[in-house]
N, C-alpha and C. Protein backbone atom coordinates (compact mmCIF):
# COMPACT_ATOMS: atom_id res chain seq x y z
N MET A 1 -76.18 29.13 -96.85
CA MET A 1 -77.31 28.25 -97.08
C MET A 1 -77.89 27.76 -95.75
N HIS A 2 -77.71 28.55 -94.73
CA HIS A 2 -78.23 28.16 -93.42
C HIS A 2 -79.70 28.59 -93.30
N GLY A 3 -80.52 27.70 -92.75
CA GLY A 3 -81.93 28.03 -92.58
C GLY A 3 -82.74 27.77 -93.84
N ASP A 4 -82.22 26.92 -94.72
CA ASP A 4 -82.94 26.62 -95.96
C ASP A 4 -83.96 25.50 -95.77
N LYS A 5 -83.81 24.75 -94.67
CA LYS A 5 -84.72 23.62 -94.45
C LYS A 5 -86.15 24.10 -94.30
N THR A 6 -86.34 25.18 -93.56
CA THR A 6 -87.70 25.70 -93.35
C THR A 6 -88.28 26.17 -94.68
N ALA A 7 -87.51 26.94 -95.41
CA ALA A 7 -87.96 27.45 -96.70
C ALA A 7 -88.20 26.29 -97.66
N PHE A 8 -87.36 25.27 -97.57
CA PHE A 8 -87.49 24.11 -98.45
C PHE A 8 -88.78 23.36 -98.16
N CYS A 9 -89.12 23.23 -96.87
CA CYS A 9 -90.35 22.54 -96.49
C CYS A 9 -91.56 23.30 -97.03
N ILE A 10 -91.54 24.61 -96.87
CA ILE A 10 -92.65 25.44 -97.37
C ILE A 10 -92.71 25.35 -98.89
N CYS A 11 -91.53 25.36 -99.48
CA CYS A 11 -91.44 25.29 -100.95
C CYS A 11 -92.03 24.00 -101.47
N ILE A 12 -91.76 22.90 -100.78
CA ILE A 12 -92.28 21.60 -101.21
C ILE A 12 -93.81 21.63 -101.22
N ARG A 13 -94.39 22.25 -100.18
CA ARG A 13 -95.85 22.33 -100.12
C ARG A 13 -96.39 23.17 -101.26
N LEU A 14 -95.74 24.29 -101.53
CA LEU A 14 -96.18 25.17 -102.62
C LEU A 14 -96.01 24.46 -103.96
N CYS A 15 -94.88 23.80 -104.11
CA CYS A 15 -94.59 23.07 -105.35
C CYS A 15 -95.58 21.94 -105.54
N TYR A 16 -95.96 21.30 -104.44
CA TYR A 16 -96.91 20.20 -104.54
C TYR A 16 -98.23 20.71 -105.11
N LEU A 17 -98.60 21.93 -104.72
CA LEU A 17 -99.83 22.54 -105.25
C LEU A 17 -99.64 22.80 -106.75
N PHE A 18 -98.44 23.24 -107.12
CA PHE A 18 -98.16 23.50 -108.53
C PHE A 18 -98.26 22.21 -109.34
N ILE A 19 -97.79 21.12 -108.74
CA ILE A 19 -97.86 19.82 -109.43
C ILE A 19 -99.31 19.43 -109.67
N LEU A 20 -100.16 19.70 -108.67
CA LEU A 20 -101.57 19.34 -108.81
C LEU A 20 -102.29 20.26 -109.78
N VAL A 21 -101.89 21.52 -109.78
CA VAL A 21 -102.57 22.51 -110.63
C VAL A 21 -101.95 22.58 -112.02
N ASN A 22 -100.66 22.86 -112.06
CA ASN A 22 -100.00 23.07 -113.36
C ASN A 22 -99.27 21.83 -113.87
N LEU A 23 -99.27 20.77 -113.03
CA LEU A 23 -98.59 19.53 -113.44
C LEU A 23 -97.13 19.79 -113.76
N ILE A 24 -96.51 20.71 -113.01
CA ILE A 24 -95.10 21.02 -113.23
C ILE A 24 -94.28 20.52 -112.04
N PRO A 25 -93.27 19.70 -112.28
CA PRO A 25 -92.44 19.17 -111.21
C PRO A 25 -91.85 20.27 -110.34
N CYS A 26 -91.80 20.01 -109.02
CA CYS A 26 -91.26 21.01 -108.09
C CYS A 26 -89.81 21.33 -108.40
N PHE A 27 -89.01 20.28 -108.55
CA PHE A 27 -87.58 20.51 -108.75
C PHE A 27 -87.30 21.20 -110.09
N GLN A 28 -88.21 21.05 -111.04
CA GLN A 28 -88.00 21.69 -112.34
C GLN A 28 -88.17 23.20 -112.20
N ARG A 29 -89.00 23.63 -111.24
CA ARG A 29 -89.20 25.05 -110.99
C ARG A 29 -88.11 25.60 -110.09
N LYS A 30 -87.25 24.70 -109.56
CA LYS A 30 -86.14 25.11 -108.69
C LYS A 30 -86.64 25.98 -107.55
N CYS A 31 -87.50 25.44 -106.71
CA CYS A 31 -88.06 26.23 -105.61
C CYS A 31 -87.00 26.66 -104.61
């Protein structure tokens, strides 16, 4: 699980877009 912080940061941004568009929680999609 090394180097997940970068992917996690990118994931949060992508998930945030999903929240605005699809209204689906980021953690529920398990990014």
